[in-house]
Amino acid sequence: MDEILSAMKNLLTPVLFSYSLYTLISQSSSKSSYDKLLIISYDGFRYDYLDRELTPYLFSLKSSSTYAKHVINVFPTQTFVNHFSIATGLYSGVHGVIGNVVFNPKTGKLMTYGYDLFHYNKDITPIWTLNEKAGQGRHSGVMMWPGSQFAYAGISPTFVNIFDPRTPWENRISTAISWFLHPKTPANLVMMYFEEPDDEEHTSGPGSLQTRERLKKVDKLTEYLFKSLKDNSLADVNVVLLSDHGMESVTFDRMIDLTKIAGDKAVMYGTSPVLQIFPNKGQSVPNIYTKLNDAAAKNKHFKVYLKENIPEHFYIKDCERTAPILAVAEPTYAFQDYYEAIDWQIKNKGAPRNGTYGIHGYDPESINMRPYFIAHGPMFKENFNAGELRMVDMHPLFANILRLELPSLKPNGTLAGVQKILKPKNK
């Protein structure tokens, strides 16, 4: 994930708005007259991390909040994919971000983090754009959320901070608070992205001591966040804490090299555990598929699909960007591209050679891919176990809280899937 996030970092532009807590206190401020919503994403926070006795503050929040058993995310269970689904309520095949890296067969170009990746459809309307479009004093602030620095329908959030891992976490919180209290354009919607525990998990694995320490840090940050809201008379803010995906372990001996089967006959794009496979000129899709499928039957740790046979619950087979052949590794396995990813972790993060590393992107039906969810504030039920929720229902939920009409490109999710978490008067 580090190399993916560095792509975001390379697009840094001057921060549009930032204050310290000291500045906050010393200036006049106001609050939006609309219901306020704060959405916090901790990348890679798996659903069961709350039960590790490492996050006492987050665990204690459950008694005064709504919480989920887990959230069913979208395929592939990767960062850009799922953060855009949270923001739009769309499956990946509809919003077009079908991977962190995507080859566009129409243009013949490989898309990494950038405008083109997030603009598959001109009618795509992230929740921050929907809020701004409604006008009448509504303002959005977005902190480092994937895809947020680009305009949609020519509209950008009032406040945007582009991804920069060097920014201390507490400073990010103080900036978000300042957006809620801005004297002229106070935000009623703020969305924040944090790169942990995902960053550490990739280096040392989801069960490592280092990951445990990152989870403790996330917990302390959450406590700091709620204290900052209270200290700035923002206890009425509705807060949604969630994640994009879970995490699985992988080791060197679980790598599958598809180049030995079709390396000279096809080009493979994407990142493990999902590879998009395009035949070279003069090669046929059926022949390459047959070779790979025969190998999959022998190996038993990956599956290969023709585009038309991709499982329905992946929701990508009708997307123009989807490759004619898709290879998906089974949980705890990866393809040959992950050698390079691990080598990067060893050189840049001090990961141990021949250690255990973290990986995600598998079928959403894999339980370890599922993230957590907690919703706290005046609109949400208290001490309420919501059971299983769906990621595509988040956008309709946010729109309901913000009293917004849904966009012309309707979300795949519905309010019906999440309205049980709201107090009756807020449905």
Protein backbone atom coordinates (compact mmCIF):
# COMPACT_ATOMS: atom_id res chain seq x y z
CA MET A 1 0.00 0.00 0.00
CA ASP A 2 2.93 2.37 0.62
CA GLU A 3 3.83 2.61 -3.05
CA ILE A 4 0.17 3.27 -3.89
CA LEU A 5 -0.13 6.00 -1.28
CA SER A 6 3.13 7.56 -2.45
CA ALA A 7 1.42 8.10 -5.81
CA MET A 8 -1.14 10.22 -3.99
CA LYS A 9 1.62 12.05 -2.16
CA ASN A 10 3.36 12.91 -5.44
CA LEU A 11 0.27 14.89 -6.47
CA LEU A 12 0.58 17.19 -3.46
CA THR A 13 -0.56 20.78 -4.03
CA PRO A 14 -0.63 23.50 -1.40
CA VAL A 15 -3.17 22.75 1.32
CA LEU A 16 -6.25 24.86 0.72
CA PHE A 17 -6.98 25.47 4.37
CA SER A 18 -5.30 24.58 7.66
CA TYR A 19 -5.33 25.90 11.22
CA SER A 20 -3.71 24.89 14.45
CA LEU A 21 -5.80 24.46 17.59
CA TYR A 22 -4.17 27.63 18.93
CA THR A 23 -5.42 29.59 15.92
CA LEU A 24 -8.84 27.99 16.32
CA ILE A 25 -9.22 29.20 19.85
CA SER A 26 -7.98 32.70 19.07
CA GLN A 27 -10.33 33.39 16.13
CA SER A 28 -14.04 33.98 15.89
CA SER A 29 -15.92 30.93 14.70
CA SER A 30 -19.36 29.74 13.77
CA LYS A 31 -21.11 26.43 13.18
CA SER A 32 -23.26 25.18 10.34
CA SER A 33 -27.01 25.32 10.93
CA TYR A 34 -27.33 21.91 9.24
CA ASP A 35 -26.96 18.50 10.81
CA LYS A 36 -23.26 17.77 10.94
CA LEU A 37 -21.46 14.56 9.93
CA LEU A 38 -17.86 13.46 10.47
CA ILE A 39 -16.65 10.30 8.71
CA ILE A 40 -13.35 8.74 9.81
CA SER A 41 -11.68 5.90 7.90
CA TYR A 42 -8.85 3.91 9.46
CA ASP A 43 -7.36 2.01 6.53
CA GLY A 44 -7.20 -1.76 7.00
CA PHE A 45 -9.04 -1.86 10.35
CA ARG A 46 -10.43 -5.40 10.32
CA TYR A 47 -13.82 -6.10 11.91
CA ASP A 48 -12.39 -8.26 14.71
CA TYR A 49 -9.66 -5.85 15.86
CA LEU A 50 -12.10 -4.38 18.37
CA ASP A 51 -12.01 -7.71 20.22
CA ARG A 52 -8.24 -7.78 20.73
CA GLU A 53 -8.37 -5.69 23.93
CA LEU A 54 -6.03 -3.16 22.28
CA THR A 55 -8.62 -0.45 21.62
CA PRO A 56 -10.43 0.16 24.92
CA TYR A 57 -11.81 3.57 23.91
CA LEU A 58 -13.26 2.32 20.62
CA PHE A 59 -14.68 -0.70 22.40
CA SER A 60 -16.29 1.50 25.05
CA LEU A 61 -17.95 3.59 22.34
CA LYS A 62 -20.13 0.62 21.42
CA SER A 63 -22.23 1.06 24.55
CA SER A 64 -23.30 4.53 23.45
CA SER A 65 -23.28 3.92 19.70
CA THR A 66 -24.49 1.74 16.87
CA TYR A 67 -21.95 -0.86 15.78
CA ALA A 68 -21.83 -3.58 13.15
CA LYS A 69 -20.74 -7.18 13.31
CA HIS A 70 -18.86 -6.34 10.11
CA VAL A 71 -19.33 -4.54 6.79
CA ILE A 72 -19.59 -6.34 3.45
CA ASN A 73 -17.27 -4.34 1.22
CA VAL A 74 -16.85 -4.41 -2.57
CA PHE A 75 -14.54 -6.31 -4.90
CA PRO A 76 -11.63 -6.04 -5.06
CA THR A 77 -11.17 -5.26 -1.38
CA GLN A 78 -8.56 -2.59 -2.02
CA THR A 79 -8.12 0.96 -0.75
CA PHE A 80 -9.04 3.23 -3.67
CA VAL A 81 -11.85 0.89 -4.71
CA ASN A 82 -13.66 0.80 -1.39
CA HIS A 83 -13.09 4.39 -0.36
CA PHE A 84 -14.73 5.45 -3.62
CA SER A 85 -17.61 3.05 -2.98
CA ILE A 86 -18.06 4.56 0.50
CA ALA A 87 -18.16 8.01 -1.09
CA THR A 88 -20.47 7.14 -4.00
CA GLY A 89 -22.59 4.17 -2.90
CA LEU A 90 -21.61 2.41 -6.14
CA TYR A 91 -20.08 -0.98 -6.85
CA SER A 92 -16.63 -0.82 -8.39
CA GLY A 93 -17.87 -1.87 -11.82
CA VAL A 94 -20.17 1.16 -11.85
CA HIS A 95 -17.75 3.82 -10.60
CA GLY A 96 -14.90 2.26 -12.60
CA VAL A 97 -12.21 2.13 -9.92
CA ILE A 98 -11.84 -1.65 -10.22
CA GLY A 99 -8.37 -1.69 -8.67
CA ASN A 100 -5.66 0.55 -7.25
CA VAL A 101 -3.99 0.17 -10.66
CA VAL A 102 -6.18 -0.29 -13.75
CA PHE A 103 -5.37 -0.82 -17.43
CA ASN A 104 -7.78 1.01 -19.70
CA PRO A 105 -8.32 -1.10 -22.84
CA LYS A 106 -10.00 1.87 -24.56
CA THR A 107 -6.97 4.13 -24.33
CA GLY A 108 -4.26 1.50 -23.97
CA LYS A 109 -2.98 3.32 -20.89
CA LEU A 110 -2.27 2.11 -17.38
CA MET A 111 -4.08 4.24 -14.83
CA THR A 112 -2.62 4.78 -11.39
CA TYR A 113 -3.84 7.38 -8.89
CA GLY A 114 -5.15 10.32 -10.91
CA TYR A 115 -8.15 12.10 -12.42
CA ASP A 116 -8.82 9.49 -15.11
CA LEU A 117 -9.01 6.61 -12.63
CA PHE A 118 -11.86 8.28 -10.73
CA HIS A 119 -13.83 9.60 -13.72
CA TYR A 120 -15.17 6.53 -15.47
CA ASN A 121 -18.65 8.07 -15.55
CA LYS A 122 -19.41 11.80 -15.80
CA ASP A 123 -22.44 11.41 -13.50
CA ILE A 124 -20.48 10.02 -10.55
CA THR A 125 -21.27 12.16 -7.51
CA PRO A 126 -19.29 11.57 -4.30
CA ILE A 127 -21.11 12.57 -1.14
CA TRP A 128 -18.85 15.63 -0.66
CA THR A 129 -19.90 16.86 -4.14
CA LEU A 130 -23.59 16.14 -3.49
CA ASN A 131 -23.38 18.20 -0.32
CA GLU A 132 -21.71 21.13 -2.08
CA LYS A 133 -24.21 21.00 -4.98
CA ALA A 134 -27.12 21.35 -2.56
CA GLY A 135 -25.77 24.81 -1.69
CA GLN A 136 -27.58 27.12 0.73
CA GLY A 137 -24.60 27.26 3.05
CA ARG A 138 -23.58 23.61 2.93
CA HIS A 139 -19.83 23.00 2.81
CA SER A 140 -17.68 19.87 2.65
CA GLY A 141 -14.20 19.34 4.05
CA VAL A 142 -12.21 16.30 2.94
CA MET A 143 -8.94 15.23 4.55
CA MET A 144 -6.74 12.95 2.39
CA TRP A 145 -9.64 10.77 1.20
CA PRO A 146 -8.80 8.92 -2.05
CA GLY A 147 -10.23 10.74 -5.06
CA SER A 148 -11.23 13.87 -3.15
CA GLN A 149 -8.80 16.32 -4.74
CA PHE A 150 -10.48 16.06 -8.13
CA ALA A 151 -13.54 18.03 -9.21
CA TYR A 152 -16.74 16.14 -10.06
CA ALA A 153 -19.23 17.92 -12.32
CA GLY A 154 -16.86 20.87 -11.99
CA ILE A 155 -17.37 21.07 -8.23
CA SER A 156 -14.70 20.67 -5.53
CA PRO A 157 -15.09 20.55 -1.74
CA THR A 158 -14.76 23.87 0.07
CA PHE A 159 -11.81 22.44 2.01
CA VAL A 160 -9.36 19.80 0.76
CA ASN A 161 -6.17 18.39 2.22
CA ILE A 162 -4.32 16.08 -0.15
CA PHE A 163 -2.63 12.95 1.17
CA ASP A 164 0.59 13.65 3.05
CA PRO A 165 1.70 11.01 5.58
CA ARG A 166 4.10 13.52 7.14
CA THR A 167 1.20 15.47 8.64
CA PRO A 168 0.87 14.57 12.34
CA TRP A 169 -2.44 12.94 13.18
CA GLU A 170 -3.35 15.51 15.82
CA ASN A 171 -2.81 18.30 13.27
CA ARG A 172 -5.23 16.58 10.93
CA ILE A 173 -7.84 16.56 13.69
CA SER A 174 -7.31 20.23 14.50
CA THR A 175 -7.68 21.11 10.82
CA ALA A 176 -10.94 19.16 10.59
CA ILE A 177 -12.24 20.94 13.70
CA SER A 178 -11.36 24.27 12.09
CA TRP A 179 -13.49 23.39 9.08
CA PHE A 180 -16.52 22.84 11.32
CA LEU A 181 -15.85 26.21 13.00
CA HIS A 182 -14.88 28.31 10.00
CA PRO A 183 -16.24 31.87 10.49
CA LYS A 184 -17.54 32.23 6.90
CA THR A 185 -18.02 28.76 5.40
CA PRO A 186 -18.45 26.25 8.27
CA ALA A 187 -18.57 22.64 7.08
CA ASN A 188 -21.52 20.39 7.76
CA LEU A 189 -19.69 17.36 6.28
CA VAL A 190 -16.09 16.37 7.03
CA MET A 191 -14.41 13.17 5.83
CA MET A 192 -10.99 12.01 7.05
CA TYR A 193 -8.64 9.24 5.95
CA PHE A 194 -5.85 7.72 8.07
CA GLU A 195 -3.36 5.31 6.53
CA GLU A 196 -3.04 3.11 9.60
CA PRO A 197 -3.12 0.32 10.64
CA ASP A 198 -2.85 -0.70 6.95
CA ASP A 199 0.62 0.77 6.51
CA GLU A 200 2.08 -1.27 9.35
CA GLU A 201 0.10 -4.40 8.52
CA HIS A 202 1.66 -4.65 5.07
CA THR A 203 5.11 -4.50 6.63
CA SER A 204 4.72 -6.89 9.55
CA GLY A 205 1.40 -8.70 9.10
CA PRO A 206 -1.97 -8.30 10.85
CA GLY A 207 -0.96 -10.32 13.91
CA SER A 208 2.38 -8.64 14.67
CA LEU A 209 3.40 -6.73 17.77
CA GLN A 210 3.95 -3.68 15.56
CA THR A 211 0.38 -3.82 14.28
CA ARG A 212 -0.85 -4.12 17.86
CA GLU A 213 0.97 -0.88 18.70
CA ARG A 214 -0.60 0.88 15.70
CA LEU A 215 -4.03 -0.21 16.85
CA LYS A 216 -3.32 1.32 20.25
CA LYS A 217 -2.30 4.54 18.52
CA VAL A 218 -5.53 4.56 16.50
CA ASP A 219 -7.49 4.12 19.72
CA LYS A 220 -5.75 7.05 21.43
CA LEU A 221 -6.36 9.20 18.37
CA THR A 222 -10.06 8.38 18.51
CA GLU A 223 -10.18 9.45 22.14
CA TYR A 224 -8.36 12.67 21.22
CA LEU A 225 -10.87 13.25 18.41
CA PHE A 226 -13.90 13.03 20.68
CA LYS A 227 -12.26 15.22 23.30
CA SER A 228 -11.53 17.84 20.61
CA LEU A 229 -15.15 17.77 19.48
CA LYS A 230 -16.35 18.26 23.05
CA ASP A 231 -13.81 21.01 23.81
CA ASN A 232 -14.97 22.94 20.73
CA SER A 233 -18.71 22.58 21.46
CA LEU A 234 -19.14 20.07 18.64
CA ALA A 235 -20.54 17.18 20.66
CA ASP A 236 -23.63 17.30 18.44
CA VAL A 237 -21.65 16.06 15.42
CA ASN A 238 -22.69 12.64 14.10
CA VAL A 239 -19.52 10.56 13.84
CA VAL A 240 -19.12 7.48 11.66
CA LEU A 241 -15.98 5.39 12.22
CA LEU A 242 -15.30 2.78 9.56
CA SER A 243 -12.71 1.18 7.30
CA ASP A 244 -12.26 0.09 3.71
CA HIS A 245 -11.14 -3.51 4.18
CA GLY A 246 -9.57 -6.03 6.53
CA MET A 247 -6.23 -7.78 6.19
CA GLU A 248 -4.79 -11.25 5.60
CA SER A 249 -1.31 -12.74 6.10
CA VAL A 250 0.96 -13.91 3.29
CA THR A 251 4.47 -15.39 3.18
CA PHE A 252 7.08 -15.92 0.44
CA ASP A 253 6.23 -19.59 0.06
CA ARG A 254 2.65 -18.74 -0.95
CA MET A 255 3.47 -16.90 -4.17
CA ILE A 256 2.08 -18.20 -7.48
CA ASP A 257 4.01 -17.26 -10.62
CA LEU A 258 1.57 -16.94 -13.53
CA THR A 259 4.34 -15.74 -15.86
CA LYS A 260 5.57 -19.34 -16.04
CA ILE A 261 2.22 -20.28 -17.54
CA ALA A 262 1.32 -17.35 -19.79
CA GLY A 263 4.06 -14.78 -19.33
CA ASP A 264 5.10 -14.62 -23.00
CA LYS A 265 1.52 -14.72 -24.27
CA ALA A 266 -0.21 -12.09 -22.11
CA VAL A 267 0.31 -8.93 -20.09
CA MET A 268 -0.81 -8.85 -16.46
CA TYR A 269 -1.84 -5.66 -14.70
CA GLY A 270 -3.05 -4.87 -11.19
CA THR A 271 -1.88 -5.90 -7.76
CA SER A 272 -2.20 -9.19 -5.90
CA PRO A 273 -4.40 -10.93 -5.14
CA VAL A 274 -6.20 -9.77 -8.31
CA LEU A 275 -4.58 -9.60 -11.76
CA GLN A 276 -6.16 -8.32 -14.96
CA ILE A 277 -4.89 -10.38 -17.91
CA PHE A 278 -4.79 -9.14 -21.52
CA PRO A 279 -3.54 -11.39 -24.35
CA ASN A 280 -0.64 -10.15 -26.46
CA LYS A 281 -1.26 -9.41 -30.11
CA GLY A 282 -1.87 -12.63 -32.00
CA GLN A 283 -2.87 -14.58 -28.88
CA SER A 284 -6.43 -15.71 -28.24
CA VAL A 285 -8.37 -15.29 -25.03
CA PRO A 286 -9.68 -18.90 -25.02
CA ASN A 287 -6.20 -20.41 -25.36
CA ILE A 288 -4.67 -18.33 -22.57
CA TYR A 289 -7.68 -18.92 -20.33
CA THR A 290 -7.44 -22.68 -20.86
CA LYS A 291 -3.74 -22.73 -19.91
CA LEU A 292 -4.34 -20.68 -16.77
CA ASN A 293 -7.49 -22.56 -15.79
CA ASP A 294 -5.70 -25.91 -16.12
CA ALA A 295 -2.93 -24.59 -13.88
CA ALA A 296 -5.50 -23.32 -11.37
CA ALA A 297 -7.12 -26.75 -11.21
CA LYS A 298 -3.76 -28.28 -10.30
CA ASN A 299 -2.62 -25.54 -7.93
CA LYS A 300 -6.01 -25.15 -6.15
CA HIS A 301 -5.01 -21.78 -4.63
CA PHE A 302 -6.26 -19.41 -7.30
CA LYS A 303 -9.14 -19.08 -9.75
CA VAL A 304 -9.33 -17.79 -13.29
CA TYR A 305 -12.43 -16.28 -14.89
CA LEU A 306 -13.40 -15.23 -18.37
CA LYS A 307 -14.97 -11.77 -18.18
CA GLU A 308 -18.46 -13.13 -18.87
CA ASN A 309 -18.10 -15.72 -16.10
CA ILE A 310 -16.88 -13.44 -13.32
CA PRO A 311 -18.98 -14.05 -10.17
CA GLU A 312 -22.03 -11.82 -9.96
CA HIS A 313 -21.18 -10.56 -6.47
CA PHE A 314 -17.96 -9.01 -7.81
CA TYR A 315 -20.12 -6.55 -9.82
CA ILE A 316 -17.40 -5.84 -12.39
CA LYS A 317 -18.12 -8.02 -15.41
CA ASP A 318 -20.16 -5.31 -17.15
CA CYS A 319 -17.46 -2.67 -16.68
CA GLU A 320 -15.61 -1.60 -19.85
CA ARG A 321 -12.35 -1.53 -17.91
CA THR A 322 -12.55 -5.18 -16.83
CA ALA A 323 -9.99 -7.44 -18.51
CA PRO A 324 -11.02 -10.42 -20.69
CA ILE A 325 -9.40 -12.72 -18.12
CA LEU A 326 -9.27 -12.24 -14.36
CA ALA A 327 -7.09 -14.18 -11.93
CA VAL A 328 -7.94 -14.12 -8.21
CA ALA A 329 -5.78 -15.77 -5.55
CA GLU A 330 -7.29 -17.57 -2.58
CA PRO A 331 -6.81 -15.94 0.86
CA THR A 332 -3.21 -16.07 2.18
CA TYR A 333 -1.87 -16.51 -1.38
CA ALA A 334 -0.55 -13.95 -3.89
CA PHE A 335 0.85 -13.75 -7.41
CA GLN A 336 4.36 -12.99 -8.65
CA ASP A 337 3.89 -9.20 -8.51
CA TYR A 338 3.90 -9.39 -4.72
CA TYR A 339 7.59 -10.29 -4.69
CA GLU A 340 8.25 -6.72 -5.74
CA ALA A 341 5.86 -5.34 -3.13
CA ILE A 342 7.58 -7.31 -0.37
CA ASP A 343 11.00 -6.27 -1.63
CA TRP A 344 9.84 -2.66 -1.35
CA GLN A 345 8.72 -3.29 2.23
CA ILE A 346 12.10 -4.81 3.09
CA LYS A 347 14.10 -1.93 1.57
CA ASN A 348 11.94 0.99 2.67
CA LYS A 349 10.18 -0.18 5.81
CA GLY A 350 12.68 -2.56 7.38
CA ALA A 351 10.40 -5.56 6.96
CA PRO A 352 12.08 -8.88 7.80
CA ARG A 353 13.11 -11.07 4.91
CA ASN A 354 11.09 -14.28 4.78
CA GLY A 355 8.67 -12.81 7.31
CA THR A 356 4.89 -12.52 7.40
CA TYR A 357 3.36 -9.64 5.48
CA GLY A 358 -0.10 -8.17 5.09
CA ILE A 359 -2.27 -8.37 1.99
CA HIS A 360 -5.86 -7.58 1.01
CA GLY A 361 -8.00 -7.46 -2.11
CA TYR A 362 -9.62 -10.89 -1.93
CA ASP A 363 -13.24 -11.85 -2.49
CA PRO A 364 -15.47 -9.82 -0.10
CA GLU A 365 -16.96 -13.12 1.06
CA SER A 366 -13.64 -13.80 2.79
CA ILE A 367 -14.36 -12.84 6.41
CA ASN A 368 -10.89 -11.38 7.05
CA MET A 369 -11.50 -8.81 4.29
CA ARG A 370 -14.38 -7.22 6.16
CA PRO A 371 -13.99 -3.94 8.09
CA TYR A 372 -15.58 -2.53 11.23
CA PHE A 373 -18.23 0.16 11.73
CA ILE A 374 -19.25 2.38 14.66
CA ALA A 375 -21.72 5.30 14.45
CA HIS A 376 -22.02 7.74 17.35
CA GLY A 377 -24.10 10.88 17.77
CA PRO A 378 -27.58 12.32 18.15
CA MET A 379 -29.04 10.54 15.11
CA PHE A 380 -27.81 7.03 15.90
CA LYS A 381 -29.21 4.42 18.25
CA GLU A 382 -27.19 3.66 21.37
CA ASN A 383 -25.77 0.26 22.30
CA PHE A 384 -27.30 -1.16 19.12
CA ASN A 385 -25.82 -4.16 17.30
CA ALA A 386 -26.69 -3.62 13.64
CA GLY A 387 -25.38 -7.01 12.56
CA GLU A 388 -24.15 -7.10 8.97
CA LEU A 389 -24.05 -3.86 6.95
CA ARG A 390 -23.12 -3.16 3.31
CA MET A 391 -20.58 -0.63 2.16
CA VAL A 392 -22.71 0.58 -0.75
CA ASP A 393 -25.41 1.63 1.73
CA MET A 394 -23.11 4.22 3.32
CA HIS A 395 -23.75 6.93 0.72
CA PRO A 396 -27.56 6.79 1.14
CA LEU A 397 -27.04 6.85 4.92
CA PHE A 398 -24.85 9.95 4.68
CA ALA A 399 -27.29 11.64 2.30
CA ASN A 400 -30.14 10.98 4.75
CA ILE A 401 -28.20 12.45 7.67
CA LEU A 402 -27.33 15.52 5.60
CA ARG A 403 -30.92 15.81 4.23
CA LEU A 404 -29.75 15.55 0.61
CA GLU A 405 -31.55 14.23 -2.44
CA LEU A 406 -29.76 11.34 -4.16
CA PRO A 407 -27.85 12.12 -7.38
CA SER A 408 -29.01 11.27 -10.92
CA LEU A 409 -26.69 8.24 -10.94
CA LYS A 410 -28.46 6.49 -8.09
CA PRO A 411 -26.31 4.53 -5.61
CA ASN A 412 -26.39 0.74 -5.76
CA GLY A 413 -27.01 0.87 -2.03
CA THR A 414 -30.22 1.92 -0.31
CA LEU A 415 -31.25 3.60 2.91
CA ALA A 416 -33.38 0.54 3.65
CA GLY A 417 -30.19 -1.39 4.30
CA VAL A 418 -29.06 0.93 7.10
CA GLN A 419 -32.09 2.83 8.40
CA LYS A 420 -32.34 0.44 11.35
CA ILE A 421 -29.34 2.19 12.92
CA LEU A 422 -31.10 5.56 12.99
CA LYS A 423 -33.35 6.78 15.75
CA PRO A 424 -36.96 6.79 14.47
CA LYS A 425 -37.25 10.56 14.09
CA ASN A 426 -34.20 10.60 11.79
CA LYS A 427 -35.34 8.02 9.24
